[in-house]
Amino acid sequence: MTTGDAPAKAHTLIEALPWLARFHGATVVIKYGGNAMTEEHLREKFAADVVFLRYAGLRPVVVHGGGPQINAHLDLLGIESTFTAGLRVTSPEAMRVVRMVLVGQVNRDVVGLINRHGPFAVGMSGEDAHLFTAARKHAVVDGTPVDIGQVGDIVAVEPGAVRALLDDGRIPVISSVARGEDGTVYNVNADTAAAALAVALGAAKLIVLTDVEGLYRDWDPETRDGKVIDRLSASELRELLPDLSSGMVPKMEACLTAVDGGVPQAHVLDGRVPHAVLLEIFTDEGVGTMVLPDAAPAVPGAARPTATSLNGSEQ
């Protein structure tokens, strides 16, 4: 670092001070996926960010999926992967692969990345200690429910084991599989799982990493241009949901579930931006789209002071 860089670094640190004070001791649930999970340089930066949060006095929890890794392994084994109404049809044979990849491969990879920076990460499955309980989910085609196999919706969360890890200074890393009441194992959407866990833990924030800059308003498919919504209320989001692209629906529904369940803020961030998590939490401008409850309390710093418009591409 040169002498000329020092004032800029000092300014950055001072800018972070009110956010450090506000979120010290707070639980933050981060849904990890997309390019941030598959591009090596972004993986390294994400792991460093999570450990930074831990050293800064926050209590981060990571919930991950692994769609690309599951697809690759199913292809390798010659197991056909089909989708109905945007949902993966998950046979018992496919579920064994999903479980193996999420719990045995992806989870271990994320834990290993984080632990390069300190001995904090502990891997868990949604099955462990009955963390997530799920019920079978059906796809709806032309108004008719269709069985799509071992795909589940979370119906109960038992967060005691996660709280114990947090109290011990650990960083829980959780794969998005769940058990049913009858012992059946289900694949569950990681966005949904992260939102349910954020509510159960009374988290201060839910952060969903994706591959777009945020939620767009006035998107023009011809010019591929639009404005990212800096922040919006739960009721405003409900009005927008029917018109969202299929890829954004589960992410924005997760944000809605979180704030409706008592989480003060939920965010959709562009995981392709290095250190996006730190930029959201510790800078005045923030990044991405923030969703707030309809009756958000007037807490200083609860919302960004100015709106920001960005250009970007549709998911």
Protein backbone atom coordinates (compact mmCIF):
# COMPACT_ATOMS: atom_id res chain seq x y z
CA MET A 1 0.00 0.00 0.00
CA THR A 2 1.39 3.43 -0.98
CA THR A 3 1.03 6.55 1.14
CA GLY A 4 -1.50 7.84 -1.37
CA ASP A 5 -3.73 4.78 -0.82
CA ALA A 6 -3.84 5.20 2.96
CA PRO A 7 -6.51 7.96 3.15
CA ALA A 8 -8.86 5.98 0.88
CA LYS A 9 -8.43 2.88 2.99
CA ALA A 10 -9.03 4.89 6.16
CA HIS A 11 -12.18 6.41 4.65
CA THR A 12 -13.48 2.94 3.80
CA LEU A 13 -12.87 1.72 7.33
CA ILE A 14 -14.56 4.75 8.89
CA GLU A 15 -17.54 4.39 6.55
CA ALA A 16 -17.98 0.84 7.83
CA LEU A 17 -18.02 1.93 11.50
CA PRO A 18 -21.78 2.57 11.95
CA TRP A 19 -22.61 -0.68 10.18
CA LEU A 20 -20.10 -2.59 12.32
CA ALA A 21 -21.72 -1.13 15.43
CA ARG A 22 -25.25 -1.84 14.24
CA PHE A 23 -24.71 -5.45 13.19
CA HIS A 24 -22.27 -6.55 15.91
CA GLY A 25 -23.63 -9.82 17.28
CA ALA A 26 -26.34 -10.05 14.59
CA THR A 27 -27.11 -13.24 12.69
CA VAL A 28 -26.93 -12.99 8.90
CA VAL A 29 -28.16 -15.86 6.71
CA ILE A 30 -26.55 -16.00 3.26
CA LYS A 31 -27.90 -18.12 0.42
CA TYR A 32 -24.86 -19.08 -1.65
CA GLY A 33 -25.23 -20.07 -5.29
CA GLY A 34 -24.86 -19.06 -8.92
CA ASN A 35 -21.57 -17.87 -10.40
CA ALA A 36 -20.27 -17.03 -6.93
CA MET A 37 -20.25 -20.77 -6.27
CA THR A 38 -18.74 -21.96 -9.56
CA GLU A 39 -16.07 -19.37 -10.48
CA GLU A 40 -12.86 -19.94 -8.52
CA HIS A 41 -11.89 -16.31 -7.92
CA LEU A 42 -15.41 -15.54 -6.66
CA ARG A 43 -15.42 -18.63 -4.45
CA GLU A 44 -12.24 -17.48 -2.74
CA LYS A 45 -13.58 -13.96 -2.20
CA PHE A 46 -16.88 -15.27 -0.83
CA ALA A 47 -15.06 -17.45 1.70
CA ALA A 48 -12.92 -14.51 2.80
CA ASP A 49 -16.01 -12.31 3.14
CA VAL A 50 -17.77 -14.82 5.38
CA VAL A 51 -14.76 -15.10 7.68
CA PHE A 52 -14.45 -11.30 7.72
CA LEU A 53 -18.05 -11.14 8.98
CA ARG A 54 -17.15 -13.58 11.74
CA TYR A 55 -14.11 -11.55 12.82
CA ALA A 56 -16.17 -8.34 12.61
CA GLY A 57 -18.53 -9.70 15.27
CA LEU A 58 -21.41 -10.92 13.11
CA ARG A 59 -22.82 -14.47 13.13
CA PRO A 60 -22.94 -15.65 9.48
CA VAL A 61 -24.84 -18.76 8.38
CA VAL A 62 -24.43 -20.13 4.84
CA VAL A 63 -27.17 -22.11 3.06
CA HIS A 64 -26.26 -23.54 -0.34
CA GLY A 65 -27.73 -25.43 -3.24
CA GLY A 66 -25.78 -26.93 -6.11
CA GLY A 67 -27.81 -27.15 -9.31
CA PRO A 68 -24.88 -27.10 -11.76
CA GLN A 69 -22.97 -29.72 -9.78
CA ILE A 70 -26.07 -31.94 -9.59
CA ASN A 71 -26.67 -31.62 -13.34
CA ALA A 72 -23.06 -32.55 -14.10
CA HIS A 73 -23.17 -35.64 -11.88
CA LEU A 74 -26.51 -36.83 -13.25
CA ASP A 75 -25.14 -36.48 -16.78
CA LEU A 76 -22.00 -38.37 -15.80
CA LEU A 77 -24.09 -41.26 -14.48
CA GLY A 78 -26.46 -41.19 -17.44
CA ILE A 79 -29.49 -40.34 -15.30
CA GLU A 80 -32.04 -38.28 -17.19
CA SER A 81 -32.91 -34.96 -15.56
CA THR A 82 -36.30 -33.54 -16.53
CA PHE A 83 -38.23 -30.51 -15.34
CA THR A 84 -41.95 -29.91 -14.90
CA ALA A 85 -43.23 -26.37 -14.37
CA GLY A 86 -39.64 -25.31 -13.73
CA LEU A 87 -39.07 -27.93 -11.00
CA ARG A 88 -36.66 -30.86 -11.26
CA VAL A 89 -38.43 -34.22 -11.34
CA THR A 90 -36.55 -36.10 -8.63
CA SER A 91 -36.84 -39.87 -8.70
CA PRO A 92 -35.40 -41.94 -5.82
CA GLU A 93 -32.39 -42.66 -8.05
CA ALA A 94 -31.89 -38.96 -8.79
CA MET A 95 -32.41 -38.07 -5.11
CA ARG A 96 -29.53 -40.32 -4.11
CA VAL A 97 -27.31 -38.31 -6.46
CA VAL A 98 -28.71 -34.98 -5.21
CA ARG A 99 -28.04 -35.96 -1.62
CA MET A 100 -24.54 -37.23 -2.38
CA VAL A 101 -23.56 -34.11 -4.34
CA LEU A 102 -25.04 -31.54 -1.95
CA VAL A 103 -23.95 -33.15 1.32
CA GLY A 104 -20.84 -35.05 0.29
CA GLN A 105 -19.32 -32.77 -2.34
CA VAL A 106 -20.58 -29.19 -2.39
CA ASN A 107 -20.92 -28.85 1.37
CA ARG A 108 -17.41 -30.16 1.96
CA ASP A 109 -16.03 -27.83 -0.72
CA VAL A 110 -17.63 -24.75 0.89
CA VAL A 111 -16.51 -25.76 4.37
CA GLY A 112 -12.97 -26.28 3.11
CA LEU A 113 -12.88 -22.88 1.37
CA ILE A 114 -14.00 -21.04 4.50
CA ASN A 115 -11.66 -22.96 6.78
CA ARG A 116 -8.63 -21.84 4.78
CA HIS A 117 -9.15 -18.51 6.53
CA GLY A 118 -9.84 -19.83 10.02
CA PRO A 119 -11.23 -22.91 11.81
CA PHE A 120 -14.85 -21.79 11.85
CA ALA A 121 -16.98 -23.58 9.26
CA VAL A 122 -18.96 -26.68 10.22
CA GLY A 123 -20.96 -28.55 7.58
CA MET A 124 -24.54 -29.65 8.14
CA SER A 125 -27.34 -31.14 6.15
CA GLY A 126 -30.93 -30.00 6.55
CA GLU A 127 -31.51 -33.55 7.81
CA ASP A 128 -29.13 -33.14 10.76
CA ALA A 129 -30.89 -32.75 14.12
CA HIS A 130 -34.14 -32.47 12.11
CA LEU A 131 -33.11 -28.96 11.10
CA PHE A 132 -35.56 -28.92 8.18
CA THR A 133 -38.74 -30.99 7.94
CA ALA A 134 -40.37 -31.06 4.53
CA ALA A 135 -43.56 -32.25 2.90
CA ARG A 136 -43.87 -33.44 -0.70
CA LYS A 137 -44.30 -30.60 -3.19
CA HIS A 138 -46.31 -30.95 -6.38
CA ALA A 139 -45.87 -29.03 -9.59
CA VAL A 140 -48.98 -27.37 -11.02
CA VAL A 141 -49.59 -27.86 -14.75
CA ASP A 142 -52.73 -26.26 -16.22
CA GLY A 143 -54.15 -26.02 -12.73
CA THR A 144 -53.58 -29.70 -11.95
CA PRO A 145 -51.08 -30.94 -9.31
CA VAL A 146 -48.41 -33.23 -10.77
CA ASP A 147 -46.18 -35.53 -8.71
CA ILE A 148 -42.52 -34.67 -9.33
CA GLY A 149 -40.96 -37.11 -6.88
CA GLN A 150 -38.81 -36.25 -3.89
CA VAL A 151 -39.12 -32.48 -4.04
CA GLY A 152 -40.21 -30.84 -0.83
CA ASP A 153 -41.50 -27.68 0.81
CA ILE A 154 -40.19 -26.87 4.29
CA VAL A 155 -42.94 -27.14 6.90
CA ALA A 156 -40.88 -26.92 10.11
CA VAL A 157 -37.46 -25.70 11.25
CA GLU A 158 -35.62 -26.77 14.40
CA PRO A 159 -32.70 -24.34 14.63
CA GLY A 160 -31.24 -25.48 17.97
CA ALA A 161 -28.15 -27.13 16.46
CA VAL A 162 -27.40 -24.05 14.33
CA ARG A 163 -27.77 -21.76 17.36
CA ALA A 164 -25.37 -23.98 19.33
CA LEU A 165 -22.77 -23.70 16.58
CA LEU A 166 -23.19 -19.93 16.41
CA ASP A 167 -22.87 -19.63 20.18
CA ASP A 168 -19.61 -21.58 19.88
CA GLY A 169 -18.27 -19.07 17.35
CA ARG A 170 -18.70 -21.38 14.34
CA ILE A 171 -20.02 -20.71 10.84
CA PRO A 172 -22.73 -23.25 9.97
CA VAL A 173 -22.74 -24.31 6.29
CA ILE A 174 -26.02 -26.04 5.43
CA SER A 175 -27.01 -28.07 2.38
CA SER A 176 -30.62 -27.78 1.22
CA VAL A 177 -31.99 -31.27 1.73
CA ALA A 178 -34.66 -32.12 4.29
CA ARG A 179 -36.40 -35.09 5.83
CA GLY A 180 -40.11 -35.79 5.85
CA GLU A 181 -42.15 -37.03 8.80
CA ASP A 182 -42.00 -40.54 7.28
CA GLY A 183 -38.21 -40.40 6.85
CA THR A 184 -38.27 -39.64 3.12
CA VAL A 185 -35.45 -37.33 2.06
CA TYR A 186 -36.41 -34.35 -0.09
CA ASN A 187 -34.59 -31.89 -2.30
CA VAL A 188 -35.68 -28.37 -1.30
CA ASN A 189 -35.04 -25.03 -2.94
CA ALA A 190 -32.04 -23.36 -1.28
CA ASP A 191 -33.61 -19.89 -1.44
CA THR A 192 -36.65 -21.21 0.40
CA ALA A 193 -34.49 -23.02 2.94
CA ALA A 194 -32.42 -19.92 3.64
CA ALA A 195 -35.54 -17.80 4.19
CA ALA A 196 -37.11 -20.35 6.55
CA LEU A 197 -33.90 -20.57 8.56
CA ALA A 198 -33.53 -16.77 8.72
CA VAL A 199 -37.01 -16.52 10.21
CA ALA A 200 -36.39 -19.33 12.70
CA LEU A 201 -33.11 -17.78 13.87
CA GLY A 202 -34.51 -14.25 14.12
CA ALA A 203 -31.78 -13.11 11.71
CA ALA A 204 -31.04 -9.43 11.13
CA LYS A 205 -30.62 -10.02 7.38
CA LEU A 206 -31.24 -12.54 4.64
CA ILE A 207 -28.84 -12.19 1.72
CA VAL A 208 -29.51 -14.08 -1.52
CA LEU A 209 -26.65 -14.22 -4.02
CA THR A 210 -27.66 -14.56 -7.65
CA ASP A 211 -26.37 -13.79 -11.16
CA VAL A 212 -28.09 -10.46 -11.77
CA GLU A 213 -27.61 -7.02 -10.24
CA GLY A 214 -30.93 -7.12 -8.42
CA LEU A 215 -34.63 -6.87 -9.22
CA TYR A 216 -35.24 -4.80 -12.37
CA ARG A 217 -37.97 -2.25 -12.99
CA ASP A 218 -39.01 -1.30 -16.54
CA TRP A 219 -36.95 -4.07 -18.13
CA ASP A 220 -36.71 -3.75 -21.91
CA PRO A 221 -35.95 -7.18 -23.49
CA GLU A 222 -34.97 -5.56 -26.81
CA THR A 223 -32.32 -3.21 -25.42
CA ARG A 224 -31.65 -5.55 -22.47
CA ASP A 225 -31.72 -2.51 -20.26
CA GLY A 226 -33.53 -1.57 -17.08
CA LYS A 227 -33.11 -0.10 -13.64
CA VAL A 228 -32.34 -2.07 -10.53
CA ILE A 229 -34.79 -1.33 -7.74
CA ASP A 230 -32.72 -0.15 -4.79
CA ARG A 231 -35.35 -1.02 -2.20
CA LEU A 232 -39.04 -1.84 -2.02
CA SER A 233 -41.63 -2.86 0.54
CA ALA A 234 -43.19 -6.28 0.94
CA SER A 235 -46.50 -5.07 -0.52
CA GLU A 236 -44.73 -3.57 -3.54
CA LEU A 237 -42.94 -6.86 -4.10
CA ARG A 238 -46.21 -8.81 -3.95
CA GLU A 239 -47.55 -6.67 -6.79
CA LEU A 240 -44.46 -7.35 -8.93
CA LEU A 241 -44.22 -11.13 -8.32
CA PRO A 242 -46.67 -12.29 -11.05
CA ASP A 243 -44.61 -10.56 -13.74
CA LEU A 244 -41.14 -11.71 -12.65
CA SER A 245 -39.00 -14.11 -14.66
CA SER A 246 -39.11 -17.71 -13.45
CA GLY A 247 -35.52 -17.53 -12.18
CA MET A 248 -36.21 -14.56 -9.94
CA VAL A 249 -39.48 -15.80 -8.45
CA PRO A 250 -38.04 -18.18 -5.80
CA LYS A 251 -35.44 -15.59 -4.77
CA MET A 252 -37.94 -12.78 -4.34
CA GLU A 253 -40.46 -15.12 -2.70
CA ALA A 254 -37.70 -16.02 -0.23
CA CYS A 255 -37.16 -12.34 0.55
CA LEU A 256 -40.90 -11.90 1.04
CA THR A 257 -41.10 -14.92 3.34
CA ALA A 258 -38.22 -13.56 5.41
CA VAL A 259 -39.56 -10.05 5.96
CA ASP A 260 -43.11 -11.34 6.54
CA GLY A 261 -41.62 -13.64 9.17
CA GLY A 262 -39.90 -10.84 11.09
CA VAL A 263 -36.50 -10.51 9.40
CA PRO A 264 -35.89 -6.72 9.18
CA GLN A 265 -34.15 -6.76 5.78
CA ALA A 266 -33.76 -9.15 2.86
CA HIS A 267 -31.41 -8.54 -0.06
CA VAL A 268 -30.79 -9.93 -3.54
CA LEU A 269 -27.18 -9.29 -4.57
CA ASP A 270 -25.11 -9.92 -7.68
CA GLY A 271 -22.74 -12.71 -6.67
CA ARG A 272 -20.61 -11.95 -9.73
CA VAL A 273 -19.41 -8.77 -8.02
CA PRO A 274 -16.35 -9.50 -5.87
CA HIS A 275 -17.03 -8.92 -2.15
CA ALA A 276 -20.72 -8.15 -2.82
CA VAL A 277 -21.66 -9.28 0.71
CA LEU A 278 -19.26 -6.82 2.34
CA LEU A 279 -20.35 -4.00 0.02
CA GLU A 280 -23.96 -4.54 1.06
CA ILE A 281 -23.39 -4.73 4.79
CA PHE A 282 -20.59 -2.24 5.37
CA THR A 283 -21.09 0.62 2.87
CA ASP A 284 -23.55 3.50 2.86
CA GLU A 285 -24.71 2.87 -0.72
CA GLY A 286 -25.11 -0.89 -0.55
CA VAL A 287 -25.69 -2.99 -3.67
CA GLY A 288 -28.56 -4.97 -5.15
CA THR A 289 -32.21 -4.85 -4.11
CA MET A 290 -33.35 -4.58 -0.49
CA VAL A 291 -36.82 -5.72 0.62
CA LEU A 292 -38.28 -4.21 3.77
CA PRO A 293 -41.41 -5.07 5.79
CA ASP A 294 -44.45 -2.91 5.14
CA ALA A 295 -44.21 -1.44 8.63
CA ALA A 296 -40.41 -1.13 8.77
CA PRO A 297 -39.31 0.52 12.03
CA ALA A 298 -37.67 3.92 11.83
CA VAL A 299 -34.24 2.69 12.87
CA PRO A 300 -31.31 4.92 11.81
CA GLY A 301 -29.45 3.17 9.03
CA ALA A 302 -32.19 0.61 8.44
CA ALA A 303 -32.50 1.72 4.82
CA ARG A 304 -30.01 3.23 2.45
CA PRO A 305 -30.21 7.04 2.34
CA THR A 306 -30.42 7.29 -1.45
CA ALA A 307 -31.78 5.20 -4.29
CA THR A 308 -29.34 3.79 -6.82
CA SER A 309 -30.13 2.93 -10.44
CA LEU A 310 -27.96 0.40 -12.26
CA ASN A 311 -27.90 -1.14 -15.70
CA GLY A 312 -27.77 -4.87 -16.19
CA SER A 313 -29.09 -7.94 -17.94
CA GLU A 314 -32.05 -10.15 -17.29
CA GLN A 315 -31.52 -13.51 -15.63
